[in-house]
Amino acid sequence: METVVCSARKGVDARLHRMLEARQEMRRRTEGCIRAWVSRSMDGQPMFLLQAIYDSEDSWHKAAIRVRDELDSRDGGIEGLLGGPPLVGIFALDPNNLDLEGH
């Protein structure tokens, strides 16, 4: 599982949200991605949580390369919209804890 927490610079949160949604959609369409989503902070702050679950580390790597090559190269990436460095974590999940049938 990939988890990213990031915040937008003042005044660009709507644009960042659209770009994050596009990146999660690309991840969802990448083979080996089980689920991917983005959520905005409930308190109205320009903070976002992105998570994606992959079937392997190789699938995560392929999705990251695809986003870099197909989206970042076209739109310049999200770094210029961030209010600071994102917090990024990659975690191993026990497949027995995933209820993929019940969503």
N, C-alpha and C. Protein backbone atom coordinates (compact mmCIF):
# COMPACT_ATOMS: atom_id res chain seq x y z
N MET A 1 0.85 -1.17 0.00
CA MET A 1 0.00 0.00 0.00
C MET A 1 0.89 1.23 0.00
N GLU A 2 0.55 2.16 -0.87
CA GLU A 2 1.22 3.45 -0.93
C GLU A 2 0.31 4.48 -0.26
N THR A 3 0.87 5.28 0.64
CA THR A 3 0.13 6.33 1.31
C THR A 3 0.90 7.64 1.19
N VAL A 4 0.21 8.69 0.76
CA VAL A 4 0.82 10.01 0.61
C VAL A 4 -0.10 11.03 1.26
N VAL A 5 0.47 11.90 2.07
CA VAL A 5 -0.26 13.03 2.63
C VAL A 5 0.46 14.29 2.14
N CYS A 6 -0.31 15.19 1.53
CA CYS A 6 0.30 16.41 1.01
C CYS A 6 -0.67 17.57 1.16
N SER A 7 -0.13 18.78 1.07
CA SER A 7 -0.97 19.97 1.14
C SER A 7 -0.62 20.89 -0.02
N ALA A 8 -1.61 21.69 -0.38
CA ALA A 8 -1.46 22.60 -1.52
C ALA A 8 -0.98 23.97 -1.05
N ARG A 9 -0.25 24.65 -1.92
CA ARG A 9 0.06 26.05 -1.70
C ARG A 9 -1.25 26.83 -1.73
N LYS A 10 -1.24 27.99 -1.14
CA LYS A 10 -2.43 28.83 -1.10
C LYS A 10 -2.94 29.13 -2.51
N GLY A 11 -4.23 28.90 -2.71
CA GLY A 11 -4.88 29.26 -3.96
C GLY A 11 -4.81 28.25 -5.09
N VAL A 12 -4.13 27.12 -4.89
CA VAL A 12 -4.02 26.14 -5.97
C VAL A 12 -4.59 24.78 -5.58
N ASP A 13 -5.37 24.73 -4.50
CA ASP A 13 -5.86 23.45 -4.02
C ASP A 13 -6.81 22.76 -4.99
N ALA A 14 -7.65 23.51 -5.69
CA ALA A 14 -8.57 22.89 -6.66
C ALA A 14 -7.78 22.26 -7.81
N ARG A 15 -6.77 22.97 -8.28
CA ARG A 15 -5.95 22.43 -9.38
C ARG A 15 -5.19 21.19 -8.91
N LEU A 16 -4.60 21.27 -7.72
CA LEU A 16 -3.88 20.12 -7.19
C LEU A 16 -4.82 18.92 -7.05
N HIS A 17 -6.02 19.16 -6.54
CA HIS A 17 -6.98 18.06 -6.39
C HIS A 17 -7.28 17.40 -7.74
N ARG A 18 -7.49 18.18 -8.78
CA ARG A 18 -7.75 17.62 -10.11
C ARG A 18 -6.55 16.80 -10.60
N MET A 19 -5.36 17.31 -10.37
CA MET A 19 -4.16 16.59 -10.82
C MET A 19 -3.97 15.30 -10.02
N LEU A 20 -4.26 15.33 -8.74
CA LEU A 20 -4.15 14.11 -7.93
C LEU A 20 -5.18 13.07 -8.37
N GLU A 21 -6.40 13.54 -8.67
CA GLU A 21 -7.44 12.62 -9.17
C GLU A 21 -6.98 11.96 -10.47
N ALA A 22 -6.38 12.73 -11.37
CA ALA A 22 -5.90 12.18 -12.64
C ALA A 22 -4.82 11.13 -12.39
N ARG A 23 -3.95 11.39 -11.44
CA ARG A 23 -2.88 10.43 -11.15
C ARG A 23 -3.43 9.15 -10.53
N GLN A 24 -4.43 9.27 -9.66
CA GLN A 24 -5.01 8.07 -9.08
C GLN A 24 -5.80 7.28 -10.14
N GLU A 25 -6.45 7.97 -11.05
CA GLU A 25 -7.15 7.28 -12.14
C GLU A 25 -6.16 6.51 -13.00
N MET A 26 -5.02 7.09 -13.29
CA MET A 26 -4.01 6.38 -14.07
C MET A 26 -3.50 5.16 -13.30
N ARG A 27 -3.31 5.30 -12.01
CA ARG A 27 -2.89 4.15 -11.20
C ARG A 27 -3.94 3.04 -11.28
N ARG A 28 -5.23 3.43 -11.15
CA ARG A 28 -6.31 2.42 -11.21
C ARG A 28 -6.29 1.66 -12.53
N ARG A 29 -5.89 2.31 -13.60
CA ARG A 29 -5.86 1.68 -14.92
C ARG A 29 -4.55 0.94 -15.20
N THR A 30 -3.65 0.93 -14.23
CA THR A 30 -2.38 0.23 -14.39
C THR A 30 -2.51 -1.18 -13.86
N GLU A 31 -2.08 -2.14 -14.65
CA GLU A 31 -2.16 -3.54 -14.24
C GLU A 31 -1.46 -3.74 -12.91
N GLY A 32 -2.13 -4.44 -12.01
CA GLY A 32 -1.56 -4.72 -10.69
C GLY A 32 -2.03 -3.76 -9.61
N CYS A 33 -2.71 -2.69 -10.00
CA CYS A 33 -3.29 -1.78 -9.01
C CYS A 33 -4.66 -2.31 -8.62
N ILE A 34 -4.84 -2.61 -7.35
CA ILE A 34 -6.09 -3.17 -6.87
C ILE A 34 -7.12 -2.07 -6.59
N ARG A 35 -6.68 -1.00 -5.95
CA ARG A 35 -7.53 0.16 -5.64
C ARG A 35 -6.64 1.39 -5.54
N ALA A 36 -7.19 2.56 -5.86
CA ALA A 36 -6.48 3.83 -5.69
C ALA A 36 -7.52 4.92 -5.49
N TRP A 37 -7.26 5.83 -4.55
CA TRP A 37 -8.20 6.90 -4.28
C TRP A 37 -7.46 8.11 -3.72
N VAL A 38 -8.17 9.25 -3.75
CA VAL A 38 -7.67 10.49 -3.14
C VAL A 38 -8.82 11.06 -2.32
N SER A 39 -8.48 11.59 -1.15
CA SER A 39 -9.48 12.21 -0.26
C SER A 39 -8.96 13.56 0.18
N ARG A 40 -9.88 14.50 0.29
CA ARG A 40 -9.54 15.83 0.78
C ARG A 40 -9.87 15.91 2.27
N SER A 41 -9.13 16.71 2.99
CA SER A 41 -9.35 16.90 4.42
C SER A 41 -10.80 17.34 4.67
N MET A 42 -11.41 16.79 5.69
CA MET A 42 -12.80 17.11 6.01
C MET A 42 -12.97 18.49 6.63
N ASP A 43 -11.89 19.08 7.14
CA ASP A 43 -12.01 20.37 7.80
C ASP A 43 -11.78 21.55 6.87
N GLY A 44 -11.73 21.29 5.56
CA GLY A 44 -11.59 22.36 4.58
C GLY A 44 -10.15 22.80 4.32
N GLN A 45 -9.21 22.22 5.02
CA GLN A 45 -7.81 22.55 4.78
C GLN A 45 -7.39 21.99 3.42
N PRO A 46 -6.42 22.61 2.77
CA PRO A 46 -5.98 22.12 1.45
C PRO A 46 -5.02 20.93 1.60
N MET A 47 -5.46 19.90 2.33
CA MET A 47 -4.65 18.72 2.61
C MET A 47 -5.32 17.51 1.97
N PHE A 48 -4.49 16.62 1.39
CA PHE A 48 -5.00 15.47 0.66
C PHE A 48 -4.32 14.19 1.12
N LEU A 49 -5.09 13.13 1.11
CA LEU A 49 -4.59 11.79 1.39
C LEU A 49 -4.76 10.97 0.12
N LEU A 50 -3.68 10.39 -0.36
CA LEU A 50 -3.73 9.49 -1.51
C LEU A 50 -3.32 8.12 -1.03
N GLN A 51 -4.07 7.12 -1.45
CA GLN A 51 -3.70 5.74 -1.13
C GLN A 51 -3.95 4.87 -2.34
N ALA A 52 -3.11 3.87 -2.47
CA ALA A 52 -3.26 2.89 -3.54
C ALA A 52 -2.76 1.55 -3.02
N ILE A 53 -3.44 0.50 -3.43
CA ILE A 53 -3.06 -0.86 -3.07
C ILE A 53 -2.66 -1.59 -4.34
N TYR A 54 -1.51 -2.23 -4.30
CA TYR A 54 -0.97 -2.95 -5.45
C TYR A 54 -0.77 -4.42 -5.09
N ASP A 55 -0.76 -5.25 -6.12
CA ASP A 55 -0.55 -6.68 -5.87
C ASP A 55 0.92 -7.03 -5.66
N SER A 56 1.82 -6.09 -5.97
CA SER A 56 3.25 -6.35 -5.78
C SER A 56 4.02 -5.03 -5.81
N GLU A 57 5.24 -5.08 -5.33
CA GLU A 57 6.11 -3.90 -5.39
C GLU A 57 6.41 -3.52 -6.83
N ASP A 58 6.51 -4.52 -7.69
CA ASP A 58 6.76 -4.26 -9.11
C ASP A 58 5.60 -3.48 -9.73
N SER A 59 4.37 -3.83 -9.38
CA SER A 59 3.20 -3.10 -9.90
C SER A 59 3.21 -1.65 -9.43
N TRP A 60 3.58 -1.41 -8.17
CA TRP A 60 3.68 -0.05 -7.65
C TRP A 60 4.72 0.73 -8.45
N HIS A 61 5.85 0.10 -8.70
CA HIS A 61 6.92 0.77 -9.45
C HIS A 61 6.46 1.11 -10.88
N LYS A 62 5.78 0.17 -11.54
CA LYS A 62 5.29 0.42 -12.90
C LYS A 62 4.28 1.57 -12.93
N ALA A 63 3.41 1.65 -11.92
CA ALA A 63 2.43 2.73 -11.87
C ALA A 63 3.13 4.08 -11.68
N ALA A 64 4.14 4.12 -10.82
CA ALA A 64 4.87 5.36 -10.58
C ALA A 64 5.58 5.83 -11.85
N ILE A 65 6.17 4.90 -12.57
CA ILE A 65 6.85 5.25 -13.82
C ILE A 65 5.84 5.75 -14.85
N ARG A 66 4.70 5.11 -14.91
CA ARG A 66 3.67 5.51 -15.87
C ARG A 66 3.18 6.94 -15.58
N VAL A 67 2.94 7.25 -14.31
CA VAL A 67 2.51 8.60 -13.94
C VAL A 67 3.59 9.60 -14.32
N ARG A 68 4.84 9.29 -14.00
CA ARG A 68 5.94 10.19 -14.32
C ARG A 68 6.05 10.41 -15.83
N ASP A 69 6.03 9.33 -16.60
CA ASP A 69 6.25 9.44 -18.03
C ASP A 69 5.07 10.04 -18.79
N GLU A 70 3.85 9.70 -18.37
CA GLU A 70 2.68 10.13 -19.14
C GLU A 70 2.02 11.40 -18.62
N LEU A 71 2.04 11.63 -17.31
CA LEU A 71 1.38 12.82 -16.77
C LEU A 71 2.36 13.92 -16.40
N ASP A 72 3.36 13.59 -15.59
CA ASP A 72 4.31 14.61 -15.15
C ASP A 72 5.00 15.27 -16.34
N SER A 73 5.34 14.48 -17.34
CA SER A 73 6.02 15.05 -18.51
C SER A 73 5.11 15.99 -19.29
N ARG A 74 3.81 15.77 -19.20
CA ARG A 74 2.84 16.60 -19.93
C ARG A 74 2.42 17.85 -19.15
N ASP A 75 2.18 17.70 -17.85
CA ASP A 75 1.65 18.83 -17.08
C ASP A 75 2.65 19.44 -16.10
N GLY A 76 3.88 18.95 -16.08
CA GLY A 76 4.91 19.52 -15.21
C GLY A 76 4.95 18.95 -13.82
N GLY A 77 4.04 18.05 -13.48
CA GLY A 77 4.04 17.44 -12.16
C GLY A 77 3.37 18.31 -11.11
N ILE A 78 3.25 17.76 -9.92
CA ILE A 78 2.53 18.44 -8.85
C ILE A 78 3.44 19.21 -7.89
N GLU A 79 4.74 19.04 -7.99
CA GLU A 79 5.66 19.61 -7.00
C GLU A 79 5.48 21.12 -6.83
N GLY A 80 5.26 21.84 -7.90
CA GLY A 80 5.11 23.29 -7.82
C GLY A 80 3.83 23.74 -7.13
N LEU A 81 2.89 22.82 -6.93
CA LEU A 81 1.63 23.15 -6.29
C LEU A 81 1.61 22.80 -4.80
N LEU A 82 2.64 22.10 -4.35
CA LEU A 82 2.66 21.62 -2.97
C LEU A 82 3.12 22.71 -2.01
N GLY A 83 2.50 22.73 -0.83
CA GLY A 83 2.86 23.68 0.21
C GLY A 83 4.08 23.25 1.01
N GLY A 84 4.58 22.09 0.76
CA GLY A 84 5.74 21.54 1.45
C GLY A 84 5.97 20.13 0.97
N PRO A 85 6.99 19.47 1.49
CA PRO A 85 7.25 18.11 1.03
C PRO A 85 6.14 17.15 1.48
N PRO A 86 5.74 16.25 0.62
CA PRO A 86 4.71 15.28 1.01
C PRO A 86 5.28 14.24 1.96
N LEU A 87 4.41 13.66 2.75
CA LEU A 87 4.76 12.53 3.60
C LEU A 87 4.37 11.28 2.83
N VAL A 88 5.35 10.42 2.53
CA VAL A 88 5.12 9.25 1.68
C VAL A 88 5.51 8.00 2.45
N GLY A 89 4.66 6.98 2.37
CA GLY A 89 4.98 5.70 3.00
C GLY A 89 4.54 4.55 2.12
N ILE A 90 5.33 3.49 2.12
CA ILE A 90 4.99 2.26 1.40
C ILE A 90 4.91 1.17 2.46
N PHE A 91 3.79 0.47 2.50
CA PHE A 91 3.52 -0.50 3.55
C PHE A 91 3.14 -1.85 2.96
N ALA A 92 3.53 -2.92 3.65
CA ALA A 92 3.12 -4.27 3.26
C ALA A 92 1.80 -4.57 3.96
N LEU A 93 0.87 -5.15 3.23
CA LEU A 93 -0.43 -5.53 3.77
C LEU A 93 -0.58 -7.04 3.76
N ASP A 94 -1.26 -7.54 4.76
CA ASP A 94 -1.62 -8.95 4.78
C ASP A 94 -2.88 -9.11 3.92
N PRO A 95 -2.81 -9.87 2.84
CA PRO A 95 -3.98 -10.02 1.95
C PRO A 95 -5.22 -10.54 2.68
N ASN A 96 -5.05 -11.23 3.79
CA ASN A 96 -6.19 -11.73 4.53
C ASN A 96 -6.99 -10.60 5.19
N ASN A 97 -6.39 -9.42 5.31
CA ASN A 97 -7.07 -8.27 5.91
C ASN A 97 -7.83 -7.43 4.91
N LEU A 98 -7.75 -7.78 3.64
CA LEU A 98 -8.42 -7.03 2.59
C LEU A 98 -9.73 -7.71 2.22
N ASP A 99 -10.81 -6.98 2.30
CA ASP A 99 -12.11 -7.48 1.87
C ASP A 99 -12.38 -6.90 0.50
N LEU A 100 -11.83 -7.51 -0.54
CA LEU A 100 -11.96 -6.97 -1.90
C LEU A 100 -13.32 -7.28 -2.51
N GLU A 101 -14.00 -8.27 -1.99
CA GLU A 101 -15.32 -8.61 -2.53
C GLU A 101 -16.40 -7.66 -2.03
N GLY A 102 -16.31 -7.24 -0.77
CA GLY A 102 -17.34 -6.40 -0.17
C GLY A 102 -17.14 -4.93 -0.45
N HIS A 103 -15.97 -4.52 -0.94
CA HIS A 103 -15.59 -3.12 -1.22
C HIS A 103 -15.88 -2.30 0.00
